[in-house]
Amino acid sequence: MRKEGHTKVRGWRWRRNPLRRHSDVVEARIVLAAWAAAIVGGAVGGAVVAQAVAGAVEHDRMGRRPVSAVMVSDAPSGTRDVTTGVKYDHVTAKVRWTDSHGVLRTDQTTVKGGSTAGATVAAWTDGRGHLVSGPIGSAEAAARVGLAGAGAGLTGGLLVLTGGLMVRLRIERRATEQWGIEWDQVGPQWGRKTS
């Protein structure tokens, strides 16, 4: 048995056709508007979020200051992960430094394994004098900005398309209800015999 397929005709909602209803035209305009808004809104939203993230990343990078710290005690040698066998050559050790206000501070930071007491190591502080990790590199910053912008753009575009789909489904439901009402009026006439 051969299956009957239906042919898809592009742009049928825009053509003059006696079977075309007002709801078909409205539906086509909603689809067009939703796609246009999703593309433009997604691009603008992504650019705005990318700009905001770039500013935040740059502010964070500028807020970190390098300091020269002195090892308080010997650092243990690098450790090896028991399950994977990977050797880590950086460990946490106690260091001492003088902050920008002349206050002597002590805290723990990551240093190269096997460093000896009295050795000078590079450390990073925030604006309040607390030890923090080093600033991210320019490649990682660009990746964060790009991912945030792309994610925001895609999310915004998908939200707009989802809204357009919901409106379109509502219009289709109303059109189907209208077709049912019209069929109730016309359907009984098809069963009559004409002489």
N, C-alpha and C. Protein backbone atom coordinates (compact mmCIF):
# COMPACT_ATOMS: atom_id res chain seq x y z
N MET A 1 0.84 -1.18 0.00
CA MET A 1 0.00 0.00 0.00
C MET A 1 0.88 1.24 0.00
N ARG A 2 0.61 2.15 -0.85
CA ARG A 2 1.40 3.35 -1.01
C ARG A 2 0.94 4.43 -0.04
N LYS A 3 1.91 5.09 0.60
CA LYS A 3 1.58 6.17 1.52
C LYS A 3 1.35 7.46 0.73
N GLU A 4 0.37 8.17 1.16
CA GLU A 4 0.11 9.47 0.56
C GLU A 4 0.90 10.52 1.33
N GLY A 5 1.72 11.28 0.66
CA GLY A 5 2.48 12.36 1.28
C GLY A 5 1.88 13.70 0.91
N HIS A 6 2.15 14.67 1.68
CA HIS A 6 1.64 15.99 1.34
C HIS A 6 2.81 16.87 0.95
N THR A 7 2.57 17.73 0.02
CA THR A 7 3.59 18.62 -0.48
C THR A 7 3.56 19.89 0.34
N LYS A 8 4.73 20.33 0.72
CA LYS A 8 4.83 21.56 1.49
C LYS A 8 5.07 22.70 0.51
N VAL A 9 4.22 23.68 0.55
CA VAL A 9 4.34 24.83 -0.34
C VAL A 9 4.82 26.01 0.48
N ARG A 10 5.99 26.50 0.14
CA ARG A 10 6.55 27.62 0.89
C ARG A 10 5.81 28.91 0.54
N GLY A 11 5.60 29.69 1.56
CA GLY A 11 5.00 31.01 1.36
C GLY A 11 3.52 31.00 1.08
N TRP A 12 2.83 29.88 1.35
CA TRP A 12 1.41 29.82 1.01
C TRP A 12 0.59 30.80 1.82
N ARG A 13 1.06 31.17 2.98
CA ARG A 13 0.29 32.10 3.80
C ARG A 13 0.28 33.51 3.21
N TRP A 14 1.25 33.81 2.37
CA TRP A 14 1.35 35.15 1.80
C TRP A 14 0.62 35.27 0.46
N ARG A 15 0.32 34.16 -0.18
CA ARG A 15 -0.30 34.20 -1.50
C ARG A 15 -1.81 34.42 -1.39
N ARG A 16 -2.38 34.96 -2.46
CA ARG A 16 -3.84 35.08 -2.52
C ARG A 16 -4.39 33.69 -2.79
N ASN A 17 -5.36 33.32 -1.97
CA ASN A 17 -5.88 31.97 -2.05
C ASN A 17 -7.27 31.98 -1.40
N PRO A 18 -8.25 31.38 -2.04
CA PRO A 18 -9.59 31.39 -1.44
C PRO A 18 -9.66 30.60 -0.12
N LEU A 19 -8.72 29.71 0.12
CA LEU A 19 -8.73 28.93 1.36
C LEU A 19 -7.93 29.61 2.47
N ARG A 20 -7.21 30.66 2.12
CA ARG A 20 -6.40 31.35 3.13
C ARG A 20 -7.32 32.15 4.04
N ARG A 21 -7.08 32.00 5.32
CA ARG A 21 -7.87 32.71 6.31
C ARG A 21 -7.05 33.86 6.88
N HIS A 22 -7.75 34.73 7.57
CA HIS A 22 -7.08 35.85 8.23
C HIS A 22 -6.07 35.33 9.26
N SER A 23 -6.41 34.25 9.94
CA SER A 23 -5.52 33.70 10.96
C SER A 23 -4.21 33.19 10.34
N ASP A 24 -4.25 32.74 9.08
CA ASP A 24 -3.03 32.30 8.40
C ASP A 24 -2.06 33.46 8.19
N VAL A 25 -2.62 34.60 7.80
CA VAL A 25 -1.80 35.79 7.58
C VAL A 25 -1.22 36.28 8.91
N VAL A 26 -2.06 36.31 9.94
CA VAL A 26 -1.58 36.74 11.26
C VAL A 26 -0.49 35.80 11.77
N GLU A 27 -0.69 34.51 11.57
CA GLU A 27 0.30 33.53 12.00
C GLU A 27 1.63 33.73 11.27
N ALA A 28 1.57 33.98 9.98
CA ALA A 28 2.79 34.21 9.20
C ALA A 28 3.51 35.47 9.67
N ARG A 29 2.77 36.50 9.99
CA ARG A 29 3.39 37.74 10.47
C ARG A 29 4.00 37.55 11.85
N ILE A 30 3.36 36.75 12.68
CA ILE A 30 3.91 36.48 14.01
C ILE A 30 5.22 35.69 13.89
N VAL A 31 5.25 34.71 13.01
CA VAL A 31 6.48 33.94 12.81
C VAL A 31 7.60 34.84 12.32
N LEU A 32 7.29 35.68 11.35
CA LEU A 32 8.30 36.61 10.82
C LEU A 32 8.79 37.57 11.89
N ALA A 33 7.86 38.15 12.65
CA ALA A 33 8.23 39.09 13.70
C ALA A 33 9.03 38.41 14.80
N ALA A 34 8.64 37.19 15.16
CA ALA A 34 9.35 36.47 16.23
C ALA A 34 10.79 36.18 15.81
N TRP A 35 10.98 35.73 14.58
CA TRP A 35 12.35 35.45 14.12
C TRP A 35 13.18 36.73 14.03
N ALA A 36 12.59 37.80 13.52
CA ALA A 36 13.33 39.06 13.44
C ALA A 36 13.70 39.57 14.83
N ALA A 37 12.73 39.51 15.76
CA ALA A 37 13.01 39.97 17.12
C ALA A 37 14.03 39.07 17.81
N ALA A 38 13.97 37.77 17.55
CA ALA A 38 14.92 36.85 18.17
C ALA A 38 16.33 37.12 17.67
N ILE A 39 16.47 37.36 16.39
CA ILE A 39 17.81 37.60 15.83
C ILE A 39 18.37 38.93 16.32
N VAL A 40 17.57 39.98 16.16
CA VAL A 40 18.05 41.32 16.55
C VAL A 40 18.19 41.41 18.07
N GLY A 41 17.16 40.96 18.80
CA GLY A 41 17.21 41.02 20.25
C GLY A 41 18.30 40.15 20.84
N GLY A 42 18.50 38.97 20.27
CA GLY A 42 19.57 38.10 20.74
C GLY A 42 20.94 38.72 20.52
N ALA A 43 21.12 39.32 19.35
CA ALA A 43 22.42 39.95 19.07
C ALA A 43 22.68 41.15 19.98
N VAL A 44 21.65 41.97 20.16
CA VAL A 44 21.82 43.15 21.03
C VAL A 44 22.01 42.71 22.48
N GLY A 45 21.19 41.77 22.94
CA GLY A 45 21.33 41.27 24.32
C GLY A 45 22.68 40.62 24.55
N GLY A 46 23.14 39.83 23.59
CA GLY A 46 24.45 39.20 23.72
C GLY A 46 25.57 40.23 23.77
N ALA A 47 25.47 41.28 22.96
CA ALA A 47 26.49 42.32 22.95
C ALA A 47 26.51 43.09 24.27
N VAL A 48 25.32 43.37 24.81
CA VAL A 48 25.24 44.10 26.09
C VAL A 48 25.83 43.26 27.21
N VAL A 49 25.47 41.98 27.27
CA VAL A 49 26.00 41.11 28.32
C VAL A 49 27.51 40.92 28.15
N ALA A 50 27.97 40.76 26.92
CA ALA A 50 29.41 40.61 26.69
C ALA A 50 30.17 41.86 27.15
N GLN A 51 29.61 43.03 26.87
CA GLN A 51 30.24 44.28 27.30
C GLN A 51 30.28 44.36 28.82
N ALA A 52 29.19 43.98 29.48
CA ALA A 52 29.15 44.01 30.95
C ALA A 52 30.15 43.04 31.55
N VAL A 53 30.23 41.83 31.00
CA VAL A 53 31.18 40.83 31.51
C VAL A 53 32.61 41.29 31.25
N ALA A 54 32.86 41.90 30.10
CA ALA A 54 34.21 42.40 29.82
C ALA A 54 34.61 43.46 30.83
N GLY A 55 33.68 44.35 31.17
CA GLY A 55 33.97 45.37 32.18
C GLY A 55 34.24 44.76 33.54
N ALA A 56 33.44 43.75 33.92
CA ALA A 56 33.63 43.10 35.21
C ALA A 56 34.96 42.35 35.27
N VAL A 57 35.31 41.68 34.18
CA VAL A 57 36.57 40.94 34.15
C VAL A 57 37.75 41.92 34.22
N GLU A 58 37.65 43.00 33.49
CA GLU A 58 38.74 43.99 33.52
C GLU A 58 38.85 44.64 34.89
N HIS A 59 37.73 44.93 35.52
CA HIS A 59 37.74 45.50 36.87
C HIS A 59 38.39 44.53 37.85
N ASP A 60 38.06 43.26 37.72
CA ASP A 60 38.64 42.24 38.59
C ASP A 60 40.14 42.12 38.35
N ARG A 61 40.53 42.16 37.09
CA ARG A 61 41.97 42.04 36.79
C ARG A 61 42.75 43.23 37.31
N MET A 62 42.15 44.43 37.20
CA MET A 62 42.84 45.64 37.67
C MET A 62 42.88 45.73 39.20
N GLY A 63 41.95 45.04 39.87
CA GLY A 63 41.91 45.09 41.33
C GLY A 63 42.94 44.21 42.01
N ARG A 64 43.62 43.39 41.27
CA ARG A 64 44.62 42.49 41.86
C ARG A 64 46.02 43.10 41.73
N ARG A 65 46.74 43.08 42.84
CA ARG A 65 48.07 43.68 42.88
C ARG A 65 49.11 42.62 43.22
N PRO A 66 50.23 42.61 42.49
CA PRO A 66 51.28 41.65 42.84
C PRO A 66 52.06 42.13 44.07
N VAL A 67 52.40 41.19 44.93
CA VAL A 67 53.25 41.50 46.09
C VAL A 67 54.36 40.47 46.16
N SER A 68 55.42 40.87 46.78
CA SER A 68 56.53 39.95 47.01
C SER A 68 56.38 39.41 48.42
N ALA A 69 56.19 38.10 48.54
CA ALA A 69 55.98 37.46 49.84
C ALA A 69 57.18 36.58 50.16
N VAL A 70 57.36 36.33 51.45
CA VAL A 70 58.47 35.50 51.92
C VAL A 70 57.88 34.25 52.55
N MET A 71 58.47 33.12 52.22
CA MET A 71 58.02 31.84 52.77
C MET A 71 58.31 31.81 54.27
N VAL A 72 57.30 31.45 55.08
CA VAL A 72 57.47 31.36 56.52
C VAL A 72 58.12 30.04 56.90
N SER A 73 57.75 28.97 56.21
CA SER A 73 58.33 27.65 56.48
C SER A 73 58.53 26.93 55.15
N ASP A 74 59.25 25.82 55.22
CA ASP A 74 59.48 25.04 54.01
C ASP A 74 58.16 24.49 53.47
N ALA A 75 58.03 24.52 52.17
CA ALA A 75 56.84 23.95 51.53
C ALA A 75 57.09 22.48 51.24
N PRO A 76 56.07 21.64 51.40
CA PRO A 76 56.27 20.23 51.07
C PRO A 76 56.53 20.07 49.57
N SER A 77 57.14 18.97 49.23
CA SER A 77 57.38 18.73 47.81
C SER A 77 56.06 18.44 47.13
N GLY A 78 56.09 18.40 45.82
CA GLY A 78 54.86 18.16 45.07
C GLY A 78 54.19 16.86 45.48
N THR A 79 52.89 16.82 45.33
CA THR A 79 52.14 15.63 45.70
C THR A 79 51.70 14.88 44.46
N ARG A 80 51.45 13.59 44.65
CA ARG A 80 51.00 12.75 43.55
C ARG A 80 49.59 12.25 43.88
N ASP A 81 48.70 12.35 42.90
CA ASP A 81 47.34 11.85 43.08
C ASP A 81 47.40 10.33 43.09
N VAL A 82 46.83 9.73 44.09
CA VAL A 82 46.91 8.28 44.26
C VAL A 82 46.16 7.54 43.17
N THR A 83 45.03 8.05 42.75
CA THR A 83 44.22 7.33 41.77
C THR A 83 44.72 7.51 40.34
N THR A 84 45.12 8.72 39.98
CA THR A 84 45.52 8.97 38.59
C THR A 84 47.03 8.93 38.38
N GLY A 85 47.80 9.14 39.45
CA GLY A 85 49.24 9.16 39.31
C GLY A 85 49.80 10.49 38.84
N VAL A 86 48.94 11.50 38.71
CA VAL A 86 49.39 12.82 38.25
C VAL A 86 50.13 13.52 39.38
N LYS A 87 51.28 14.12 39.07
CA LYS A 87 52.05 14.83 40.09
C LYS A 87 51.74 16.32 40.01
N TYR A 88 51.40 16.88 41.17
CA TYR A 88 51.12 18.31 41.28
C TYR A 88 52.34 18.97 41.88
N ASP A 89 52.91 19.94 41.16
CA ASP A 89 54.12 20.58 41.65
C ASP A 89 53.85 21.86 42.44
N HIS A 90 52.60 22.26 42.58
CA HIS A 90 52.26 23.43 43.39
C HIS A 90 51.50 22.98 44.63
N VAL A 91 51.87 23.54 45.77
CA VAL A 91 51.25 23.20 47.05
C VAL A 91 50.87 24.49 47.77
N THR A 92 50.11 24.34 48.84
CA THR A 92 49.73 25.49 49.66
C THR A 92 50.73 25.63 50.80
N ALA A 93 51.22 26.86 51.00
CA ALA A 93 52.18 27.10 52.08
C ALA A 93 51.93 28.48 52.67
N LYS A 94 52.45 28.69 53.88
CA LYS A 94 52.27 29.96 54.60
C LYS A 94 53.35 30.95 54.15
N VAL A 95 52.90 32.17 53.85
CA VAL A 95 53.81 33.25 53.44
C VAL A 95 53.51 34.50 54.25
N ARG A 96 54.48 35.45 54.23
CA ARG A 96 54.33 36.71 54.94
C ARG A 96 54.67 37.84 53.96
N TRP A 97 53.92 38.93 54.03
CA TRP A 97 54.16 40.08 53.18
C TRP A 97 53.70 41.34 53.89
N THR A 98 54.11 42.46 53.37
CA THR A 98 53.69 43.76 53.90
C THR A 98 52.73 44.38 52.90
N ASP A 99 51.54 44.76 53.39
CA ASP A 99 50.55 45.32 52.47
C ASP A 99 50.85 46.78 52.17
N SER A 100 50.00 47.42 51.38
CA SER A 100 50.25 48.79 50.95
C SER A 100 50.17 49.80 52.09
N HIS A 101 49.59 49.42 53.23
CA HIS A 101 49.50 50.32 54.39
C HIS A 101 50.63 50.07 55.38
N GLY A 102 51.54 49.18 55.04
CA GLY A 102 52.68 48.87 55.91
C GLY A 102 52.39 47.84 56.98
N VAL A 103 51.25 47.18 56.90
CA VAL A 103 50.88 46.16 57.89
C VAL A 103 51.46 44.82 57.46
N LEU A 104 52.12 44.13 58.40
CA LEU A 104 52.69 42.82 58.12
C LEU A 104 51.57 41.78 58.19
N ARG A 105 51.41 41.00 57.14
CA ARG A 105 50.33 40.01 57.05
C ARG A 105 50.91 38.62 56.81
N THR A 106 50.16 37.61 57.24
CA THR A 106 50.54 36.21 57.03
C THR A 106 49.30 35.46 56.56
N ASP A 107 49.47 34.64 55.54
CA ASP A 107 48.35 33.84 55.02
C ASP A 107 48.92 32.70 54.19
N GLN A 108 48.05 31.87 53.67
CA GLN A 108 48.51 30.76 52.83
C GLN A 108 48.21 31.05 51.38
N THR A 109 49.11 30.63 50.52
CA THR A 109 48.94 30.78 49.08
C THR A 109 49.57 29.59 48.38
N THR A 110 49.35 29.49 47.11
CA THR A 110 49.92 28.40 46.32
C THR A 110 51.33 28.76 45.89
N VAL A 111 52.28 27.85 46.18
CA VAL A 111 53.68 28.06 45.82
C VAL A 111 54.20 26.80 45.15
N LYS A 112 55.38 26.90 44.57
CA LYS A 112 56.01 25.73 43.95
C LYS A 112 56.46 24.78 45.05
N GLY A 113 56.16 23.50 44.86
CA GLY A 113 56.53 22.49 45.85
C GLY A 113 58.03 22.46 46.09
N GLY A 114 58.44 22.28 47.36
CA GLY A 114 59.85 22.20 47.70
C GLY A 114 60.49 23.55 47.96
N SER A 115 59.73 24.65 47.93
CA SER A 115 60.31 25.97 48.24
C SER A 115 60.73 25.99 49.70
N THR A 116 61.84 26.69 49.96
CA THR A 116 62.38 26.71 51.32
C THR A 116 61.97 27.98 52.06
N ALA A 117 62.05 27.91 53.40
CA ALA A 117 61.71 29.07 54.23
C ALA A 117 62.66 30.22 53.91
N GLY A 118 62.13 31.42 53.82
CA GLY A 118 62.93 32.60 53.50
C GLY A 118 62.96 32.92 52.01
N ALA A 119 62.50 32.00 51.18
CA ALA A 119 62.48 32.24 49.73
C ALA A 119 61.40 33.26 49.40
N THR A 120 61.66 34.07 48.40
CA THR A 120 60.69 35.07 47.96
C THR A 120 59.81 34.47 46.87
N VAL A 121 58.50 34.62 47.03
CA VAL A 121 57.55 34.11 46.04
C VAL A 121 56.61 35.24 45.63
N ALA A 122 56.06 35.12 44.44
CA ALA A 122 55.09 36.12 43.96
C ALA A 122 53.70 35.73 44.45
N ALA A 123 52.96 36.71 44.94
CA ALA A 123 51.59 36.49 45.39
C ALA A 123 50.75 37.67 44.90
N TRP A 124 49.44 37.51 44.96
CA TRP A 124 48.51 38.55 44.51
C TRP A 124 47.55 38.91 45.64
N THR A 125 47.26 40.20 45.76
CA THR A 125 46.31 40.66 46.77
C THR A 125 45.19 41.44 46.11
N ASP A 126 44.06 41.50 46.83
CA ASP A 126 42.96 42.34 46.35
C ASP A 126 43.11 43.74 46.94
N GLY A 127 42.16 44.58 46.75
CA GLY A 127 42.24 45.96 47.26
C GLY A 127 42.25 46.06 48.77
N ARG A 128 41.82 45.02 49.47
CA ARG A 128 41.77 45.04 50.93
C ARG A 128 43.00 44.38 51.55
N GLY A 129 43.93 43.92 50.75
CA GLY A 129 45.15 43.32 51.26
C GLY A 129 45.07 41.83 51.49
N HIS A 130 43.99 41.17 51.11
CA HIS A 130 43.87 39.73 51.27
C HIS A 130 44.47 39.01 50.07
N LEU A 131 45.05 37.85 50.32
CA LEU A 131 45.62 37.06 49.23
C LEU A 131 44.51 36.49 48.35
N VAL A 132 44.72 36.58 47.04
CA VAL A 132 43.78 36.04 46.06
C VAL A 132 44.59 35.32 44.99
N SER A 133 43.89 34.61 44.12
CA SER A 133 44.58 33.97 43.01
C SER A 133 45.02 35.04 42.01
N GLY A 134 45.94 34.68 41.15
CA GLY A 134 46.41 35.63 40.15
C GLY A 134 45.32 36.00 39.15
N PRO A 135 45.49 37.10 38.45
CA PRO A 135 44.46 37.50 37.48
C PRO A 135 44.40 36.52 36.32
N ILE A 136 43.23 36.42 35.73
CA ILE A 136 43.09 35.50 34.59
C ILE A 136 43.80 36.09 33.38
N GLY A 137 44.22 35.22 32.50
CA GLY A 137 44.91 35.65 31.29
C GLY A 137 43.95 36.25 30.27
N SER A 138 44.50 36.88 29.27
CA SER A 138 43.65 37.54 28.26
C SER A 138 42.86 36.51 27.45
N ALA A 139 43.41 35.32 27.22
CA ALA A 139 42.68 34.29 26.47
C ALA A 139 41.48 33.79 27.27
N GLU A 140 41.67 33.57 28.56
CA GLU A 140 40.56 33.11 29.40
C GLU A 140 39.52 34.22 29.54
N ALA A 141 39.97 35.46 29.64
CA ALA A 141 39.02 36.58 29.73
C ALA A 141 38.19 36.67 28.45
N ALA A 142 38.84 36.53 27.30
CA ALA A 142 38.10 36.59 26.03
C ALA A 142 37.12 35.42 25.93
N ALA A 143 37.51 34.25 26.41
CA ALA A 143 36.61 33.09 26.38
C ALA A 143 35.40 33.33 27.27
N ARG A 144 35.61 33.89 28.45
CA ARG A 144 34.49 34.17 29.35
C ARG A 144 33.53 35.19 28.74
N VAL A 145 34.09 36.24 28.15
CA VAL A 145 33.25 37.27 27.53
C VAL A 145 32.47 36.67 26.36
N GLY A 146 33.14 35.90 25.52
CA GLY A 146 32.48 35.30 24.37
C GLY A 146 31.39 34.32 24.77
N LEU A 147 31.66 33.47 25.74
CA LEU A 147 30.67 32.50 26.19
C LEU A 147 29.47 33.18 26.85
N ALA A 148 29.74 34.20 27.65
CA ALA A 148 28.63 34.91 28.30
C ALA A 148 27.76 35.62 27.27
N GLY A 149 28.38 36.28 26.30
CA GLY A 149 27.62 36.97 25.26
C GLY A 149 26.82 36.01 24.40
N ALA A 150 27.46 34.91 24.00
CA ALA A 150 26.77 33.93 23.16
C ALA A 150 25.63 33.27 23.94
N GLY A 151 25.87 32.94 25.19
CA GLY A 151 24.83 32.33 26.00
C GLY A 151 23.65 33.25 26.21
N ALA A 152 23.93 34.51 26.49
CA ALA A 152 22.83 35.47 26.69
C ALA A 152 22.07 35.70 25.39
N GLY A 153 22.79 35.80 24.28
CA GLY A 153 22.12 35.99 22.99
C GLY A 153 21.23 34.82 22.62
N LEU A 154 21.75 33.61 22.80
CA LEU A 154 20.95 32.42 22.49
C LEU A 154 19.74 32.29 23.41
N THR A 155 19.97 32.55 24.69
CA THR A 155 18.86 32.46 25.65
C THR A 155 17.78 33.48 25.33
N GLY A 156 18.18 34.72 25.07
CA GLY A 156 17.20 35.75 24.73
C GLY A 156 16.45 35.42 23.45
N GLY A 157 17.17 34.94 22.44
CA GLY A 157 16.53 34.57 21.18
C GLY A 157 15.55 33.43 21.36
N LEU A 158 15.93 32.42 22.15
CA LEU A 158 15.03 31.29 22.39
C LEU A 158 13.79 31.71 23.18
N LEU A 159 13.96 32.64 24.11
CA LEU A 159 12.79 33.13 24.86
C LEU A 159 11.82 33.85 23.94
N VAL A 160 12.34 34.66 23.02
CA VAL A 160 11.47 35.37 22.08
C VAL A 160 10.77 34.37 21.16
N LEU A 161 11.50 33.38 20.65
CA LEU A 161 10.90 32.37 19.78
C LEU A 161 9.85 31.55 20.53
N THR A 162 10.10 31.26 21.79
CA THR A 162 9.12 30.53 22.59
C THR A 162 7.85 31.35 22.77
N GLY A 163 8.02 32.65 23.03
CA GLY A 163 6.86 33.53 23.14
C GLY A 163 6.07 33.58 21.84
N GLY A 164 6.78 33.66 20.71
CA GLY A 164 6.11 33.66 19.41
C GLY A 164 5.37 32.35 19.15
N LEU A 165 5.99 31.24 19.57
CA LEU A 165 5.34 29.94 19.40
C LEU A 165 4.06 29.85 20.23
N MET A 166 4.10 30.38 21.45
CA MET A 166 2.91 30.35 22.30
C MET A 166 1.77 31.16 21.69
N VAL A 167 2.10 32.33 21.16
CA VAL A 167 1.07 33.15 20.51
C VAL A 167 0.54 32.43 19.28
N ARG A 168 1.43 31.84 18.52
CA ARG A 168 1.03 31.13 17.31
C ARG A 168 0.12 29.95 17.63
N LEU A 169 0.45 29.20 18.67
CA LEU A 169 -0.39 28.08 19.08
C LEU A 169 -1.78 28.54 19.52
N ARG A 170 -1.83 29.68 20.19
CA ARG A 170 -3.12 30.22 20.61
C ARG A 170 -3.96 30.60 19.39
N ILE A 171 -3.33 31.20 18.40
CA ILE A 171 -4.06 31.58 17.17
C ILE A 171 -4.53 30.32 16.45
N GLU A 172 -3.70 29.29 16.38
CA GLU A 172 -4.11 28.04 15.73
C GLU A 172 -5.28 27.39 16.47
N ARG A 173 -5.24 27.44 17.80
CA ARG A 173 -6.34 26.87 18.58
C ARG A 173 -7.65 27.61 18.30
N ARG A 174 -7.58 28.95 18.24
CA ARG A 174 -8.79 29.72 17.95
C ARG A 174 -9.29 29.44 16.53
N ALA A 175 -8.35 29.29 15.58
CA ALA A 175 -8.76 28.99 14.20
C ALA A 175 -9.41 27.61 14.13
N THR A 176 -8.87 26.65 14.86
CA THR A 176 -9.45 25.31 14.87
C THR A 176 -10.85 25.33 15.48
N GLU A 177 -11.02 26.09 16.54
CA GLU A 177 -12.36 26.23 17.14
C GLU A 177 -13.34 26.87 16.15
N GLN A 178 -12.86 27.87 15.43
CA GLN A 178 -13.71 28.53 14.43
C GLN A 178 -14.07 27.56 13.30
N TRP A 179 -13.09 26.75 12.88
CA TRP A 179 -13.38 25.76 11.84
C TRP A 179 -14.43 24.76 12.33
N GLY A 180 -14.36 24.38 13.61
CA GLY A 180 -15.34 23.46 14.17
C GLY A 180 -16.74 24.06 14.16
N ILE A 181 -16.84 25.34 14.51
CA ILE A 181 -18.14 26.01 14.48
C ILE A 181 -18.69 26.04 13.06
N GLU A 182 -17.84 26.38 12.10
CA GLU A 182 -18.29 26.44 10.71
C GLU A 182 -18.65 25.05 10.19
N TRP A 183 -17.90 24.04 10.60
CA TRP A 183 -18.22 22.69 10.15
C TRP A 183 -19.57 22.24 10.71
N ASP A 184 -19.86 22.61 11.95
CA ASP A 184 -21.16 22.27 12.53
C ASP A 184 -22.30 22.87 11.72
N GLN A 185 -22.05 24.01 11.09
CA GLN A 185 -23.09 24.66 10.29
C GLN A 185 -23.17 24.03 8.89
N VAL A 186 -22.02 23.70 8.30
CA VAL A 186 -21.99 23.23 6.92
C VAL A 186 -22.09 21.71 6.83
N GLY A 187 -21.57 21.00 7.79
CA GLY A 187 -21.50 19.55 7.74
C GLY A 187 -22.84 18.86 7.50
N PRO A 188 -23.92 19.24 8.19
CA PRO A 188 -25.20 18.56 7.96
C PRO A 188 -25.71 18.72 6.53
N GLN A 189 -25.31 19.78 5.84
CA GLN A 189 -25.78 19.99 4.47
C GLN A 189 -25.16 18.97 3.52
N TRP A 190 -24.04 18.41 3.83
CA TRP A 190 -23.39 17.44 2.96
C TRP A 190 -24.11 16.10 2.97
N GLY A 191 -24.83 15.83 4.03
CA GLY A 191 -25.52 14.56 4.11
C GLY A 191 -26.84 14.53 3.36
N ARG A 192 -27.35 15.67 2.98
CA ARG A 192 -28.63 15.75 2.28
C ARG A 192 -28.46 15.35 0.84
N LYS A 193 -29.52 14.74 0.31
CA LYS A 193 -29.51 14.42 -1.12
C LYS A 193 -30.19 15.56 -1.83
N THR A 194 -29.64 15.94 -2.90
CA THR A 194 -30.28 16.98 -3.71
C THR A 194 -30.94 16.32 -4.92
N SER A 195 -32.05 16.86 -5.31
CA SER A 195 -32.73 16.26 -6.44
C SER A 195 -32.68 17.14 -7.64
